Amino acid sequence: MDGQIAFRLGAATQRGAARPSLVLFDLDGTLADSRALMFEMLDHAARHFGFRRIDQAEAEALRDRDARSILRALEVPLWRLPRIAAHIKALAGTAPPPPLFPGAGAMLARLQAAGMTLALVSSNSEANARRALGAEAACIAHWACDATLFGKASRFRQVLRRTGRVPAEAMAIGDELRDIAAARSAGLAAGAVAWGYALPSALAAAGPDILFDSMADIPAFLGV
């Protein structure tokens, strides 16, 4: 492996597992730089639903927590989560789309041109995701969007069924601890990006197969 490539391999990848031919991307925090927009919408939802508001400093301090810990910090009961998520999604639909991270579009185009199958799996809506991706939406062959009570792992399995792939042929790439957990649950290789919501140290502690330090590392790892 080229020492100039700044990704960090987990134990499963070090054992020589085959490179995936199906890559399932998260959107927010992975391809789209939506942290500022998400904080603004979360604050709007806090005022609307009456749960605890936090400032930027506390939001930063929560970046090493898992989703349940964050909900406890916000004092949000689980039964209210679907309505809050729907409210935030509606706000996102009327706001300007977040910009893609530098290099995201070129990375998707390189993977597609190399014959890889790309999917987008997001709790955001497909309409919002397409607006954020713009012309790069054409690189995505399979869409599995919107939150589900069965969790993100169920979306991963849905994409596997659609594509006829087995878990060993696929990798999920996201920016949160829950993305790693969902990939593990579905039997996929777990890729994490160091530029999204969760702190790189928290992601590394969760043991992804690979932690990408830059957008260019993704096609390099996949042999493109």
Protein backbone atom coordinates (compact mmCIF):
# COMPACT_ATOMS: atom_id res chain seq x y z
CA MET A 1 0.00 0.00 0.00
CA ASP A 2 1.41 3.40 -0.97
CA GLY A 3 2.72 5.12 2.15
CA GLN A 4 1.74 8.52 0.71
CA ILE A 5 -1.96 7.62 0.95
CA ALA A 6 -3.26 8.92 4.28
CA PHE A 7 -5.92 6.37 5.11
CA ARG A 8 -5.86 4.10 8.13
CA LEU A 9 -6.78 0.46 7.77
CA GLY A 10 -8.69 -1.60 10.29
CA ALA A 11 -8.02 -5.23 11.08
CA ALA A 12 -10.51 -6.68 8.56
CA THR A 13 -8.98 -4.82 5.62
CA GLN A 14 -5.46 -5.62 6.77
CA ARG A 15 -6.35 -9.31 6.48
CA GLY A 16 -6.59 -8.84 2.72
CA ALA A 17 -10.35 -8.68 2.11
CA ALA A 18 -11.32 -8.10 -1.53
CA ARG A 19 -11.99 -4.55 -2.60
CA PRO A 20 -15.74 -3.86 -2.86
CA SER A 21 -17.54 -3.34 -6.19
CA LEU A 22 -20.62 -1.73 -4.56
CA VAL A 23 -20.16 1.42 -2.47
CA LEU A 24 -23.03 2.81 -0.39
CA PHE A 25 -22.49 6.46 0.54
CA ASP A 26 -24.05 8.54 3.26
CA LEU A 27 -24.91 12.12 2.22
CA ASP A 28 -24.75 14.65 5.05
CA GLY A 29 -21.25 14.97 6.45
CA THR A 30 -19.85 12.48 3.95
CA LEU A 31 -20.52 13.99 0.52
CA ALA A 32 -22.25 17.24 1.52
CA ASP A 33 -20.89 19.78 4.00
CA SER A 34 -24.16 20.25 5.86
CA ARG A 35 -23.00 20.63 9.49
CA ALA A 36 -23.84 24.35 9.74
CA LEU A 37 -27.22 23.82 8.07
CA MET A 38 -28.03 20.86 10.31
CA PHE A 39 -27.19 22.86 13.45
CA GLU A 40 -29.45 25.68 12.29
CA MET A 41 -32.32 23.28 11.59
CA LEU A 42 -31.78 21.44 14.88
CA ASP A 43 -32.04 24.74 16.75
CA HIS A 44 -35.23 25.56 14.85
CA ALA A 45 -36.65 22.15 15.80
CA ALA A 46 -35.66 22.68 19.45
CA ARG A 47 -37.64 25.91 19.55
CA HIS A 48 -40.57 24.33 17.70
CA PHE A 49 -40.82 21.14 19.80
CA GLY A 50 -39.52 22.52 23.08
CA PHE A 51 -36.49 20.30 23.64
CA ARG A 52 -33.21 21.63 24.98
CA ARG A 53 -31.29 24.07 22.81
CA ILE A 54 -27.51 23.89 22.66
CA ASP A 55 -24.85 26.29 21.47
CA GLN A 56 -22.05 25.66 19.00
CA ALA A 57 -19.57 24.81 21.76
CA GLU A 58 -21.80 22.06 23.18
CA ALA A 59 -22.57 20.75 19.70
CA GLU A 60 -18.83 20.42 19.14
CA ALA A 61 -18.43 18.58 22.46
CA LEU A 62 -21.07 16.04 21.39
CA ARG A 63 -19.14 14.96 18.29
CA ASP A 64 -17.59 12.00 20.12
CA ARG A 65 -20.98 10.62 21.26
CA ASP A 66 -23.25 8.05 19.67
CA ALA A 67 -26.78 8.92 18.55
CA ARG A 68 -28.50 7.78 21.75
CA SER A 69 -26.10 9.78 23.91
CA ILE A 70 -26.75 12.87 21.80
CA LEU A 71 -30.52 12.44 22.15
CA ARG A 72 -30.13 12.13 25.93
CA ALA A 73 -28.04 15.30 26.00
CA LEU A 74 -30.76 17.11 24.03
CA GLU A 75 -33.42 15.60 26.32
CA VAL A 76 -35.33 14.23 23.33
CA PRO A 77 -37.51 11.17 24.06
CA LEU A 78 -37.30 8.49 21.37
CA TRP A 79 -41.05 8.58 20.72
CA ARG A 80 -40.76 12.19 19.49
CA LEU A 81 -37.90 11.49 17.12
CA PRO A 82 -39.96 10.65 13.97
CA ARG A 83 -41.83 13.99 14.11
CA ILE A 84 -38.63 15.92 14.78
CA ALA A 85 -36.86 14.16 11.90
CA ALA A 86 -39.77 14.93 9.56
CA HIS A 87 -39.70 18.58 10.62
CA ILE A 88 -35.95 18.87 9.96
CA LYS A 89 -36.33 17.15 6.59
CA ALA A 90 -39.05 19.62 5.61
CA LEU A 91 -36.82 22.53 6.59
CA ALA A 92 -34.00 21.06 4.50
CA GLY A 93 -36.34 20.90 1.52
CA THR A 94 -36.86 24.67 1.56
CA ALA A 95 -33.29 25.70 2.43
CA PRO A 96 -30.49 26.15 -0.11
CA PRO A 97 -28.77 22.78 -0.58
CA PRO A 98 -25.48 22.37 1.29
CA PRO A 99 -22.32 22.43 -0.81
CA LEU A 100 -20.51 19.23 -1.63
CA PHE A 101 -17.15 18.77 0.02
CA PRO A 102 -14.28 19.65 -2.32
CA GLY A 103 -13.51 16.71 -4.57
CA ALA A 104 -16.73 14.80 -3.82
CA GLY A 105 -18.16 15.14 -7.31
CA ALA A 106 -14.91 14.17 -9.02
CA MET A 107 -14.56 11.18 -6.70
CA LEU A 108 -18.04 9.89 -7.55
CA ALA A 109 -17.41 10.37 -11.27
CA ARG A 110 -14.12 8.46 -11.07
CA LEU A 111 -15.74 5.52 -9.29
CA GLN A 112 -18.64 5.37 -11.75
CA ALA A 113 -16.32 5.60 -14.76
CA ALA A 114 -14.32 2.70 -13.35
CA GLY A 115 -17.46 0.53 -13.37
CA MET A 116 -18.26 0.61 -9.68
CA THR A 117 -21.89 0.55 -8.58
CA LEU A 118 -22.74 3.51 -6.34
CA ALA A 119 -25.68 3.86 -3.97
CA LEU A 120 -26.82 6.67 -1.68
CA VAL A 121 -28.30 5.69 1.68
CA SER A 122 -29.48 8.64 3.74
CA SER A 123 -32.10 9.56 6.31
CA ASN A 124 -32.58 12.71 4.25
CA SER A 125 -35.10 12.64 1.43
CA GLU A 126 -34.14 11.63 -2.10
CA ALA A 127 -35.31 15.02 -3.38
CA ASN A 128 -33.02 16.84 -0.93
CA ALA A 129 -30.15 14.51 -1.76
CA ARG A 130 -30.56 15.07 -5.50
CA ARG A 131 -30.59 18.85 -4.98
CA ALA A 132 -27.37 18.65 -2.95
CA LEU A 133 -25.60 16.39 -5.45
CA GLY A 134 -26.68 18.36 -8.51
CA ALA A 135 -25.21 16.93 -11.72
CA GLU A 136 -23.32 14.33 -9.69
CA ALA A 137 -26.64 12.65 -8.87
CA ALA A 138 -26.26 10.89 -12.24
CA CYS A 139 -23.40 8.86 -10.70
CA ILE A 140 -25.76 7.22 -8.22
CA ALA A 141 -27.38 4.03 -9.48
CA HIS A 142 -29.45 3.17 -6.39
CA TRP A 143 -31.21 5.41 -3.88
CA ALA A 144 -32.39 4.36 -0.42
CA CYS A 145 -33.44 7.53 1.34
CA ASP A 146 -35.67 8.68 4.22
CA ALA A 147 -35.48 7.55 7.83
CA THR A 148 -36.89 4.16 8.74
CA LEU A 149 -37.89 2.62 12.05
CA PHE A 150 -35.79 -0.42 11.11
CA GLY A 151 -32.57 1.59 10.95
CA LYS A 152 -29.92 2.20 8.34
CA ALA A 153 -28.81 -1.44 8.25
CA SER A 154 -32.18 -2.33 6.72
CA ARG A 155 -31.52 0.19 3.94
CA PHE A 156 -28.13 -1.42 3.29
CA ARG A 157 -29.79 -4.84 2.98
CA GLN A 158 -32.38 -3.33 0.64
CA VAL A 159 -29.64 -2.11 -1.70
CA LEU A 160 -27.93 -5.51 -1.58
CA ARG A 161 -31.17 -7.18 -2.67
CA ARG A 162 -31.67 -4.70 -5.50
CA THR A 163 -28.16 -5.17 -6.83
CA GLY A 164 -27.90 -8.91 -6.26
CA ARG A 165 -24.69 -8.42 -4.29
CA VAL A 166 -23.55 -10.20 -1.16
CA PRO A 167 -22.25 -8.22 1.84
CA ALA A 168 -18.63 -9.19 1.12
CA GLU A 169 -18.85 -7.27 -2.18
CA ALA A 170 -19.97 -3.99 -0.58
CA MET A 171 -18.68 -1.13 1.57
CA ALA A 172 -20.70 1.54 3.35
CA ILE A 173 -19.01 4.93 3.82
CA GLY A 174 -20.30 7.45 6.36
CA ASP A 175 -19.27 10.03 8.92
CA GLU A 176 -21.03 8.90 12.11
CA LEU A 177 -20.71 6.13 14.67
CA ARG A 178 -24.15 4.84 13.70
CA ASP A 179 -22.95 4.38 10.10
CA ILE A 180 -20.21 2.03 11.30
CA ALA A 181 -22.66 0.13 13.51
CA ALA A 182 -25.18 -0.22 10.66
CA ALA A 183 -22.53 -1.51 8.27
CA ARG A 184 -21.45 -4.07 10.84
CA SER A 185 -25.05 -5.15 11.39
CA ALA A 186 -25.58 -5.68 7.64
CA GLY A 187 -22.25 -7.50 7.24
CA LEU A 188 -20.65 -4.79 5.08
CA ALA A 189 -17.17 -3.37 5.24
CA ALA A 190 -17.33 -0.09 7.17
CA GLY A 191 -15.60 2.98 5.78
CA ALA A 192 -15.55 6.22 7.78
CA VAL A 193 -14.55 9.74 6.73
CA ALA A 194 -12.56 12.06 8.98
CA TRP A 195 -14.13 15.30 7.68
CA GLY A 196 -17.76 14.83 8.78
CA TYR A 197 -19.74 15.11 12.00
CA ALA A 198 -18.09 12.60 14.34
CA LEU A 199 -14.55 13.22 15.55
CA PRO A 200 -11.90 11.09 13.82
CA SER A 201 -10.77 9.81 17.23
CA ALA A 202 -14.29 8.60 18.02
CA LEU A 203 -14.60 6.94 14.62
CA ALA A 204 -11.22 5.23 14.98
CA ALA A 205 -12.21 3.91 18.41
CA ALA A 206 -15.30 2.30 16.83
CA GLY A 207 -13.02 0.19 14.62
CA PRO A 208 -14.05 0.85 10.99
CA ASP A 209 -12.30 -1.21 8.34
CA ILE A 210 -10.86 2.01 7.00
CA LEU A 211 -10.80 5.65 8.06
CA PHE A 212 -10.36 7.98 5.10
CA ASP A 213 -8.44 11.19 5.75
CA SER A 214 -9.20 12.85 2.42
CA MET A 215 -11.69 12.53 -0.44
CA ALA A 216 -8.93 11.38 -2.80
CA ASP A 217 -8.21 8.40 -0.54
CA ILE A 218 -11.52 6.74 -1.45
CA PRO A 219 -10.77 5.96 -5.14
CA ALA A 220 -7.15 5.25 -4.22
CA PHE A 221 -8.23 2.58 -1.73
CA LEU A 222 -10.69 1.12 -4.23
CA GLY A 223 -7.96 0.81 -6.84
CA VAL A 224 -9.36 3.49 -9.15
